[in-house]
Amino acid sequence: MSGEHIWGDWLKGVVPIAMNKHNFRAERMYRPGMAPIAGTTIRTGDPLRSKVRVVCADCNNRWLSGIQSAAKPRLIPLIQGNRTGLGPAAQLEVATWCAMATMTAEFIDRDPNTIAITPDERTHLMNNRAPPNTGWRIWIARYQRNKWVPQWVHFTLPILGAQDTKGMNPGDFAYPNTQATTFVVGELFVHVLSSTGYPELSARWVWPPRTRVSTLMTQIWPPRESFIAWPPAALTDRDADLVPAALRNVIDGASRTMMGRQIF
């Protein structure tokens, strides 16, 4: 197995190293309505230099490297906040890189019970050089960091239908099948939502109304625009904080009655 740079070794020439250590906070929700289990550890190095040993050397040097090389010239202006434009081909290359980083970054947390993306979805990325067609949405935005600290936020949970819960006891553990990943590289803010348990979630997803987020998050997968002009208006710290919390807030709200009581 080979040590794979999650966001690419080439970033060291684009984004300066800002930290010699960082906090890693793992927060997991094992069923809707359940209080998250959380813990924080200190890890060495800058989080953008993170590696995981989950791919073979051949894949790392061949098709994964190809995804990085194709996306790099598209990503640099986004990361640096420079003027550029993204047509259909550029949006696909950036979205593919975002999907690759999301799939690889799941393994930062060494608990295998936090992996929500399936082997079939990773195989789809390898064979098609594109994110999965079903159950995935990817957005990008511009963010000029102020006081918001996180570099990478990963939230997973199981979404189960009635057929999945037959025979399950109230305390039984279900593996996650839904995830939301948010990460920041320079001025590029990325959010990826996917679900194999309830693919309609991503298709029907709507950002909280009456917030700036709904107008500042630009969807690149599945593509909606034939051309995206960059840079757009930037997210604020409050916007940046709202995005990774949005799925958790929706799930938590769905698990309560109109009176605010927890129902599951």
C-alpha atoms as a PDB file:
ATOM      1  CA  MET A   1       0.000   0.000   0.000  1.00  0.00           C
ATOM      2  CA  SER A   2       1.117   3.525  -0.781  1.00  0.00           C
ATOM      3  CA  GLY A   3       0.811   6.716   1.266  1.00  0.00           C
ATOM      4  CA  GLU A   4      -1.642   8.866  -0.706  1.00  0.00           C
ATOM      5  CA  HIS A   5      -1.736  12.640  -0.236  1.00  0.00           C
ATOM      6  CA  ILE A   6      -5.445  13.316   0.183  1.00  0.00           C
ATOM      7  CA  TRP A   7      -5.436  16.723  -1.459  1.00  0.00           C
ATOM      8  CA  GLY A   8      -2.277  16.305  -3.528  1.00  0.00           C
ATOM      9  CA  ASP A   9       1.435  16.770  -2.863  1.00  0.00           C
ATOM     10  CA  TRP A  10       1.477  19.573  -5.449  1.00  0.00           C
ATOM     11  CA  LEU A  11      -0.452  21.788  -3.013  1.00  0.00           C
ATOM     12  CA  LYS A  12       2.747  22.518  -1.056  1.00  0.00           C
ATOM     13  CA  GLY A  13       3.708  24.882  -3.898  1.00  0.00           C
ATOM     14  CA  VAL A  14       0.328  26.625  -3.837  1.00  0.00           C
ATOM     15  CA  VAL A  15      -0.848  26.737  -0.210  1.00  0.00           C
ATOM     16  CA  PRO A  16       1.822  27.537   2.428  1.00  0.00           C
ATOM     17  CA  ILE A  17       2.130  25.274   5.443  1.00  0.00           C
ATOM     18  CA  ALA A  18       0.291  27.014   8.274  1.00  0.00           C
ATOM     19  CA  MET A  19       0.455  24.505  11.142  1.00  0.00           C
ATOM     20  CA  ASN A  20       2.970  22.123  12.673  1.00  0.00           C
ATOM     21  CA  LYS A  21       0.176  20.405  14.604  1.00  0.00           C
ATOM     22  CA  HIS A  22      -3.602  20.385  14.551  1.00  0.00           C
ATOM     23  CA  ASN A  23      -6.594  19.212  16.528  1.00  0.00           C
ATOM     24  CA  PHE A  24      -8.486  16.216  15.167  1.00  0.00           C
ATOM     25  CA  ARG A  25     -12.053  16.046  16.463  1.00  0.00           C
ATOM     26  CA  ALA A  26     -14.074  12.937  15.657  1.00  0.00           C
ATOM     27  CA  GLU A  27     -17.823  13.240  16.099  1.00  0.00           C
ATOM     28  CA  ARG A  28     -20.140  10.375  15.167  1.00  0.00           C
ATOM     29  CA  MET A  29     -23.896   9.942  15.173  1.00  0.00           C
ATOM     30  CA  TYR A  30     -24.828   6.250  15.109  1.00  0.00           C
ATOM     31  CA  ARG A  31     -28.563   6.776  14.691  1.00  0.00           C
ATOM     32  CA  PRO A  32     -30.805   9.810  14.065  1.00  0.00           C
ATOM     33  CA  GLY A  33     -31.672  11.586  17.274  1.00  0.00           C
ATOM     34  CA  MET A  34     -28.787  10.022  19.188  1.00  0.00           C
ATOM     35  CA  ALA A  35     -26.370  12.360  20.941  1.00  0.00           C
ATOM     36  CA  PRO A  36     -23.095  12.428  18.982  1.00  0.00           C
ATOM     37  CA  ILE A  37     -20.063  10.671  20.417  1.00  0.00           C
ATOM     38  CA  ALA A  38     -17.089  13.022  20.184  1.00  0.00           C
ATOM     39  CA  GLY A  39     -13.421  13.137  21.041  1.00  0.00           C
ATOM     40  CA  THR A  40     -10.465  15.396  20.189  1.00  0.00           C
ATOM     41  CA  THR A  41      -6.828  14.410  19.699  1.00  0.00           C
ATOM     42  CA  ILE A  42      -3.715  16.389  18.705  1.00  0.00           C
ATOM     43  CA  ARG A  43      -1.940  15.294  15.520  1.00  0.00           C
ATOM     44  CA  THR A  44       1.342  16.473  14.069  1.00  0.00           C
ATOM     45  CA  GLY A  45       1.679  18.378  10.807  1.00  0.00           C
ATOM     46  CA  ASP A  46      -0.559  20.551   8.679  1.00  0.00           C
ATOM     47  CA  PRO A  47      -3.891  18.839   7.890  1.00  0.00           C
ATOM     48  CA  LEU A  48      -3.570  19.701   4.191  1.00  0.00           C
ATOM     49  CA  ARG A  49      -0.460  17.494   4.073  1.00  0.00           C
ATOM     50  CA  SER A  50      -2.366  14.474   5.408  1.00  0.00           C
ATOM     51  CA  LYS A  51      -1.672  11.051   3.934  1.00  0.00           C
ATOM     52  CA  VAL A  52      -3.582   7.794   4.218  1.00  0.00           C
ATOM     53  CA  ARG A  53      -2.249   4.356   3.358  1.00  0.00           C
ATOM     54  CA  VAL A  54      -5.307   2.909   1.627  1.00  0.00           C
ATOM     55  CA  VAL A  55      -4.369   2.726  -2.068  1.00  0.00           C
ATOM     56  CA  CYS A  56      -1.847   0.587  -3.892  1.00  0.00           C
ATOM     57  CA  ALA A  57       1.212   2.195  -5.470  1.00  0.00           C
ATOM     58  CA  ASP A  58      -0.024   1.376  -8.984  1.00  0.00           C
ATOM     59  CA  CYS A  59      -3.360   3.177  -8.461  1.00  0.00           C
ATOM     60  CA  ASN A  60      -1.626   6.069  -6.732  1.00  0.00           C
ATOM     61  CA  ASN A  61       0.834   6.603  -9.553  1.00  0.00           C
ATOM     62  CA  ARG A  62      -1.589   5.915 -12.389  1.00  0.00           C
ATOM     63  CA  TRP A  63      -5.267   6.890 -12.345  1.00  0.00           C
ATOM     64  CA  LEU A  64      -5.262   8.840  -9.053  1.00  0.00           C
ATOM     65  CA  SER A  65      -2.304  10.838 -10.301  1.00  0.00           C
ATOM     66  CA  GLY A  66      -4.205  11.404 -13.551  1.00  0.00           C
ATOM     67  CA  ILE A  67      -7.149  12.920 -11.678  1.00  0.00           C
ATOM     68  CA  GLN A  68      -4.781  15.232  -9.785  1.00  0.00           C
ATOM     69  CA  SER A  69      -2.963  16.302 -12.963  1.00  0.00           C
ATOM     70  CA  ALA A  70      -6.180  17.020 -14.871  1.00  0.00           C
ATOM     71  CA  ALA A  71      -7.680  19.082 -12.049  1.00  0.00           C
ATOM     72  CA  LYS A  72      -4.553  20.982 -10.972  1.00  0.00           C
ATOM     73  CA  PRO A  73      -4.679  23.830 -13.557  1.00  0.00           C
ATOM     74  CA  ARG A  74      -8.409  24.273 -12.839  1.00  0.00           C
ATOM     75  CA  LEU A  75      -7.928  24.249  -9.080  1.00  0.00           C
ATOM     76  CA  ILE A  76      -5.043  26.689  -8.675  1.00  0.00           C
ATOM     77  CA  PRO A  77      -7.089  29.814  -9.589  1.00  0.00           C
ATOM     78  CA  LEU A  78      -9.926  28.635  -7.321  1.00  0.00           C
ATOM     79  CA  ILE A  79      -7.532  28.040  -4.433  1.00  0.00           C
ATOM     80  CA  GLN A  80      -5.795  31.382  -4.910  1.00  0.00           C
ATOM     81  CA  GLY A  81      -9.001  33.363  -5.478  1.00  0.00           C
ATOM     82  CA  ASN A  82      -7.964  34.454  -8.987  1.00  0.00           C
ATOM     83  CA  ARG A  83     -10.243  35.161 -11.916  1.00  0.00           C
ATOM     84  CA  THR A  84     -11.137  32.150 -14.029  1.00  0.00           C
ATOM     85  CA  GLY A  85     -14.091  30.371 -15.583  1.00  0.00           C
ATOM     86  CA  LEU A  86     -15.315  26.792 -15.390  1.00  0.00           C
ATOM     87  CA  GLY A  87     -17.001  25.256 -18.390  1.00  0.00           C
ATOM     88  CA  PRO A  88     -18.473  21.723 -18.426  1.00  0.00           C
ATOM     89  CA  ALA A  89     -15.108  19.946 -18.810  1.00  0.00           C
ATOM     90  CA  ALA A  90     -13.493  22.007 -16.042  1.00  0.00           C
ATOM     91  CA  GLN A  91     -16.440  21.418 -13.701  1.00  0.00           C
ATOM     92  CA  LEU A  92     -16.144  17.659 -14.270  1.00  0.00           C
ATOM     93  CA  GLU A  93     -12.408  17.674 -13.533  1.00  0.00           C
ATOM     94  CA  VAL A  94     -12.857  19.683 -10.326  1.00  0.00           C
ATOM     95  CA  ALA A  95     -15.843  17.572  -9.223  1.00  0.00           C
ATOM     96  CA  THR A  96     -13.858  14.369  -9.832  1.00  0.00           C
ATOM     97  CA  TRP A  97     -10.987  15.690  -7.715  1.00  0.00           C
ATOM     98  CA  CYS A  98     -13.458  16.661  -4.957  1.00  0.00           C
ATOM     99  CA  ALA A  99     -14.978  13.164  -5.023  1.00  0.00           C
ATOM    100  CA  MET A 100     -11.523  11.544  -4.926  1.00  0.00           C
ATOM    101  CA  ALA A 101     -10.471  13.704  -1.950  1.00  0.00           C
ATOM    102  CA  THR A 102     -13.740  12.940  -0.149  1.00  0.00           C
ATOM    103  CA  MET A 103     -13.386   9.192  -0.652  1.00  0.00           C
ATOM    104  CA  THR A 104      -9.762   9.176   0.473  1.00  0.00           C
ATOM    105  CA  ALA A 105     -10.254  11.560   3.406  1.00  0.00           C
ATOM    106  CA  GLU A 106     -12.828   9.230   4.964  1.00  0.00           C
ATOM    107  CA  PHE A 107      -9.840   7.156   6.108  1.00  0.00           C
ATOM    108  CA  ILE A 108      -8.281  10.019   8.105  1.00  0.00           C
ATOM    109  CA  ASP A 109     -10.415   8.812  10.990  1.00  0.00           C
ATOM    110  CA  ARG A 110      -8.971   5.403  11.790  1.00  0.00           C
ATOM    111  CA  ASP A 111     -12.319   4.038  12.960  1.00  0.00           C
ATOM    112  CA  PRO A 112     -13.630   1.841  10.081  1.00  0.00           C
ATOM    113  CA  ASN A 113     -17.176   2.380  11.344  1.00  0.00           C
ATOM    114  CA  THR A 114     -17.107   5.938   9.970  1.00  0.00           C
ATOM    115  CA  ILE A 115     -16.797   4.860   6.309  1.00  0.00           C
ATOM    116  CA  ALA A 116     -20.037   5.663   4.472  1.00  0.00           C
ATOM    117  CA  ILE A 117     -18.855   5.552   0.839  1.00  0.00           C
ATOM    118  CA  THR A 118     -19.084   2.088  -0.693  1.00  0.00           C
ATOM    119  CA  PRO A 119     -16.464   0.111  -2.658  1.00  0.00           C
ATOM    120  CA  ASP A 120     -18.804   0.267  -5.680  1.00  0.00           C
ATOM    121  CA  GLU A 121     -18.736   4.066  -5.558  1.00  0.00           C
ATOM    122  CA  ARG A 122     -14.940   4.094  -5.412  1.00  0.00           C
ATOM    123  CA  THR A 123     -14.834   1.649  -8.328  1.00  0.00           C
ATOM    124  CA  HIS A 124     -17.122   3.967 -10.300  1.00  0.00           C
ATOM    125  CA  LEU A 125     -14.651   6.824  -9.773  1.00  0.00           C
ATOM    126  CA  MET A 126     -11.773   4.633 -10.968  1.00  0.00           C
ATOM    127  CA  ASN A 127     -13.556   3.321 -14.057  1.00  0.00           C
ATOM    128  CA  ASN A 128     -15.299   6.525 -15.134  1.00  0.00           C
ATOM    129  CA  ARG A 129     -13.065   9.343 -13.823  1.00  0.00           C
ATOM    130  CA  ALA A 130     -16.227  10.984 -12.562  1.00  0.00           C
ATOM    131  CA  PRO A 131     -18.231  11.066  -9.321  1.00  0.00           C
ATOM    132  CA  PRO A 132     -21.041   8.499  -8.974  1.00  0.00           C
ATOM    133  CA  ASN A 133     -24.171   9.447 -10.896  1.00  0.00           C
ATOM    134  CA  THR A 134     -26.659   8.513  -8.176  1.00  0.00           C
ATOM    135  CA  GLY A 135     -26.881   9.948  -4.680  1.00  0.00           C
ATOM    136  CA  TRP A 136     -24.053  12.504  -5.034  1.00  0.00           C
ATOM    137  CA  ARG A 137     -23.981  16.322  -5.111  1.00  0.00           C
ATOM    138  CA  ILE A 138     -20.925  18.548  -4.981  1.00  0.00           C
ATOM    139  CA  TRP A 139     -20.771  22.300  -4.360  1.00  0.00           C
ATOM    140  CA  ILE A 140     -17.922  24.788  -4.291  1.00  0.00           C
ATOM    141  CA  ALA A 141     -17.705  28.303  -2.896  1.00  0.00           C
ATOM    142  CA  ARG A 142     -15.105  30.931  -2.120  1.00  0.00           C
ATOM    143  CA  TYR A 143     -14.037  31.395   1.486  1.00  0.00           C
ATOM    144  CA  GLN A 144     -11.475  33.865   2.803  1.00  0.00           C
ATOM    145  CA  ARG A 145     -10.590  32.492   6.200  1.00  0.00           C
ATOM    146  CA  ASN A 146     -11.102  34.712   9.213  1.00  0.00           C
ATOM    147  CA  LYS A 147     -11.831  33.033  12.555  1.00  0.00           C
ATOM    148  CA  TRP A 148     -13.440  29.768  11.424  1.00  0.00           C
ATOM    149  CA  VAL A 149     -10.953  27.030  12.340  1.00  0.00           C
ATOM    150  CA  PRO A 150     -11.904  23.706  10.645  1.00  0.00           C
ATOM    151  CA  GLN A 151     -10.066  22.439   7.569  1.00  0.00           C
ATOM    152  CA  TRP A 152     -12.078  19.220   7.117  1.00  0.00           C
ATOM    153  CA  VAL A 153     -15.447  18.196   8.551  1.00  0.00           C
ATOM    154  CA  HIS A 154     -16.875  14.723   8.016  1.00  0.00           C
ATOM    155  CA  PHE A 155     -20.335  13.721   9.215  1.00  0.00           C
ATOM    156  CA  THR A 156     -21.752  10.208   8.711  1.00  0.00           C
ATOM    157  CA  LEU A 157     -24.894   8.426   9.771  1.00  0.00           C
ATOM    158  CA  PRO A 158     -27.152   5.552   8.713  1.00  0.00           C
ATOM    159  CA  ILE A 159     -30.439   6.352   6.987  1.00  0.00           C
ATOM    160  CA  LEU A 160     -32.532   3.189   7.027  1.00  0.00           C
ATOM    161  CA  GLY A 161     -35.847   2.200   5.486  1.00  0.00           C
ATOM    162  CA  ALA A 162     -38.424  -0.047   7.132  1.00  0.00           C
ATOM    163  CA  GLN A 163     -36.959  -3.091   5.363  1.00  0.00           C
ATOM    164  CA  ASP A 164     -33.539  -2.316   6.869  1.00  0.00           C
ATOM    165  CA  THR A 165     -34.746  -2.119  10.452  1.00  0.00           C
ATOM    166  CA  LYS A 166     -36.600  -5.422  10.646  1.00  0.00           C
ATOM    167  CA  GLY A 167     -35.213  -7.423  13.547  1.00  0.00           C
ATOM    168  CA  MET A 168     -33.140  -4.530  14.873  1.00  0.00           C
ATOM    169  CA  ASN A 169     -33.289  -3.738  18.574  1.00  0.00           C
ATOM    170  CA  PRO A 170     -33.346  -0.113  19.787  1.00  0.00           C
ATOM    171  CA  GLY A 171     -29.671  -0.201  20.761  1.00  0.00           C
ATOM    172  CA  ASP A 172     -28.403  -1.999  17.654  1.00  0.00           C
ATOM    173  CA  PHE A 173     -25.612  -0.361  15.655  1.00  0.00           C
ATOM    174  CA  ALA A 174     -26.079   0.346  11.945  1.00  0.00           C
ATOM    175  CA  TYR A 175     -23.172   1.179   9.666  1.00  0.00           C
ATOM    176  CA  PRO A 176     -23.321   4.633   8.029  1.00  0.00           C
ATOM    177  CA  ASN A 177     -24.531   4.941   4.448  1.00  0.00           C
ATOM    178  CA  THR A 178     -24.803   8.731   4.252  1.00  0.00           C
ATOM    179  CA  GLN A 179     -22.063  11.327   4.565  1.00  0.00           C
ATOM    180  CA  ALA A 180     -21.419  15.045   4.267  1.00  0.00           C
ATOM    181  CA  THR A 181     -17.841  16.240   3.845  1.00  0.00           C
ATOM    182  CA  THR A 182     -16.662  19.855   3.932  1.00  0.00           C
ATOM    183  CA  PHE A 183     -13.068  20.905   3.370  1.00  0.00           C
ATOM    184  CA  VAL A 184     -11.159  24.103   2.693  1.00  0.00           C
ATOM    185  CA  VAL A 185      -8.041  24.459   0.533  1.00  0.00           C
ATOM    186  CA  GLY A 186      -6.813  28.041   0.332  1.00  0.00           C
ATOM    187  CA  GLU A 187      -9.871  30.042  -0.749  1.00  0.00           C
ATOM    188  CA  LEU A 188     -11.671  27.003  -2.166  1.00  0.00           C
ATOM    189  CA  PHE A 189     -14.529  25.742  -0.002  1.00  0.00           C
ATOM    190  CA  VAL A 190     -15.939  22.323  -0.972  1.00  0.00           C
ATOM    191  CA  HIS A 191     -19.025  20.487   0.260  1.00  0.00           C
ATOM    192  CA  VAL A 192     -19.899  16.930  -0.822  1.00  0.00           C
ATOM    193  CA  LEU A 193     -23.130  15.133   0.077  1.00  0.00           C
ATOM    194  CA  SER A 194     -23.754  11.467  -0.746  1.00  0.00           C
ATOM    195  CA  SER A 195     -26.088   8.696   0.335  1.00  0.00           C
ATOM    196  CA  THR A 196     -26.566   5.097  -0.721  1.00  0.00           C
ATOM    197  CA  GLY A 197     -29.206   4.561   1.956  1.00  0.00           C
ATOM    198  CA  TYR A 198     -31.433   7.362   0.680  1.00  0.00           C
ATOM    199  CA  PRO A 199     -30.141   8.629  -2.708  1.00  0.00           C
ATOM    200  CA  GLU A 200     -33.069  11.030  -2.985  1.00  0.00           C
ATOM    201  CA  LEU A 201     -31.537  13.024  -0.140  1.00  0.00           C
ATOM    202  CA  SER A 202     -28.938  14.613  -2.386  1.00  0.00           C
ATOM    203  CA  ALA A 203     -31.361  15.100  -5.277  1.00  0.00           C
ATOM    204  CA  ARG A 204     -33.871  16.892  -3.036  1.00  0.00           C
ATOM    205  CA  TRP A 205     -31.392  18.776  -0.906  1.00  0.00           C
ATOM    206  CA  VAL A 206     -32.194  22.457  -0.401  1.00  0.00           C
ATOM    207  CA  TRP A 207     -29.973  24.833   1.537  1.00  0.00           C
ATOM    208  CA  PRO A 208     -31.618  26.576   4.488  1.00  0.00           C
ATOM    209  CA  PRO A 209     -33.838  29.374   3.129  1.00  0.00           C
ATOM    210  CA  ARG A 210     -33.206  33.010   3.947  1.00  0.00           C
ATOM    211  CA  THR A 211     -29.471  32.414   4.236  1.00  0.00           C
ATOM    212  CA  ARG A 212     -26.600  33.597   2.049  1.00  0.00           C
ATOM    213  CA  VAL A 213     -25.463  30.001   1.668  1.00  0.00           C
ATOM    214  CA  SER A 214     -28.242  29.190  -0.808  1.00  0.00           C
ATOM    215  CA  THR A 215     -26.856  31.765  -3.250  1.00  0.00           C
ATOM    216  CA  LEU A 216     -23.119  31.342  -2.586  1.00  0.00           C
ATOM    217  CA  MET A 217     -22.786  27.550  -2.918  1.00  0.00           C
ATOM    218  CA  THR A 218     -22.295  26.697  -6.605  1.00  0.00           C
ATOM    219  CA  GLN A 219     -23.207  23.169  -7.679  1.00  0.00           C
ATOM    220  CA  ILE A 220     -20.700  21.480  -9.982  1.00  0.00           C
ATOM    221  CA  TRP A 221     -22.021  17.907  -9.716  1.00  0.00           C
ATOM    222  CA  PRO A 222     -24.338  17.083 -11.291  1.00  0.00           C
ATOM    223  CA  PRO A 223     -23.522  20.209 -13.311  1.00  0.00           C
ATOM    224  CA  ARG A 224     -26.183  22.891 -13.507  1.00  0.00           C
ATOM    225  CA  GLU A 225     -24.447  25.770 -15.265  1.00  0.00           C
ATOM    226  CA  SER A 226     -22.740  25.782 -18.645  1.00  0.00           C
ATOM    227  CA  PHE A 227     -20.248  28.332 -17.335  1.00  0.00           C
ATOM    228  CA  ILE A 228     -19.243  29.456 -13.834  1.00  0.00           C
ATOM    229  CA  ALA A 229     -17.460  32.797 -13.412  1.00  0.00           C
ATOM    230  CA  TRP A 230     -14.929  32.906 -10.589  1.00  0.00           C
ATOM    231  CA  PRO A 231     -14.417  34.351  -8.022  1.00  0.00           C
ATOM    232  CA  PRO A 232     -17.903  34.815  -6.560  1.00  0.00           C
ATOM    233  CA  ALA A 233     -18.739  36.668  -3.340  1.00  0.00           C
ATOM    234  CA  ALA A 234     -17.064  34.966  -0.388  1.00  0.00           C
ATOM    235  CA  LEU A 235     -18.653  33.031   2.453  1.00  0.00           C
ATOM    236  CA  THR A 236     -18.475  34.568   5.915  1.00  0.00           C
ATOM    237  CA  ASP A 237     -17.405  32.618   9.016  1.00  0.00           C
ATOM    238  CA  ARG A 238     -21.084  32.180   9.884  1.00  0.00           C
ATOM    239  CA  ASP A 239     -21.797  30.808   6.394  1.00  0.00           C
ATOM    240  CA  ALA A 240     -18.831  28.445   6.639  1.00  0.00           C
ATOM    241  CA  ASP A 241     -20.089  27.147   9.973  1.00  0.00           C
ATOM    242  CA  LEU A 242     -23.629  26.624   8.693  1.00  0.00           C
ATOM    243  CA  VAL A 243     -22.693  24.424   5.718  1.00  0.00           C
ATOM    244  CA  PRO A 244     -21.176  21.353   7.476  1.00  0.00           C
ATOM    245  CA  ALA A 245     -23.861  21.543  10.193  1.00  0.00           C
ATOM    246  CA  ALA A 246     -26.779  21.637   7.747  1.00  0.00           C
ATOM    247  CA  LEU A 247     -27.279  17.872   7.313  1.00  0.00           C
ATOM    248  CA  ARG A 248     -27.000  17.188  11.019  1.00  0.00           C
ATOM    249  CA  ASN A 249     -29.560  19.934  11.744  1.00  0.00           C
ATOM    250  CA  VAL A 250     -31.990  18.498   9.191  1.00  0.00           C
ATOM    251  CA  ILE A 251     -31.668  14.975  10.587  1.00  0.00           C
ATOM    252  CA  ASP A 252     -31.996  16.203  14.155  1.00  0.00           C
ATOM    253  CA  GLY A 253     -35.082  18.225  13.235  1.00  0.00           C
ATOM    254  CA  ALA A 254     -36.672  15.249  11.498  1.00  0.00           C
ATOM    255  CA  SER A 255     -36.222  13.155  14.634  1.00  0.00           C
ATOM    256  CA  ARG A 256     -38.323  15.504  16.769  1.00  0.00           C
ATOM    257  CA  THR A 257     -42.061  16.080  17.070  1.00  0.00           C
ATOM    258  CA  MET A 258     -43.675  19.453  16.599  1.00  0.00           C
ATOM    259  CA  MET A 259     -43.482  19.806  20.383  1.00  0.00           C
ATOM    260  CA  GLY A 260     -39.717  19.330  20.317  1.00  0.00           C
ATOM    261  CA  ARG A 261     -39.747  15.847  21.856  1.00  0.00           C
ATOM    262  CA  GLN A 262     -37.325  13.253  20.484  1.00  0.00           C
ATOM    263  CA  ILE A 263     -39.203  10.492  18.641  1.00  0.00           C
ATOM    264  CA  PHE A 264     -36.228   8.363  17.528  1.00  0.00           C
END
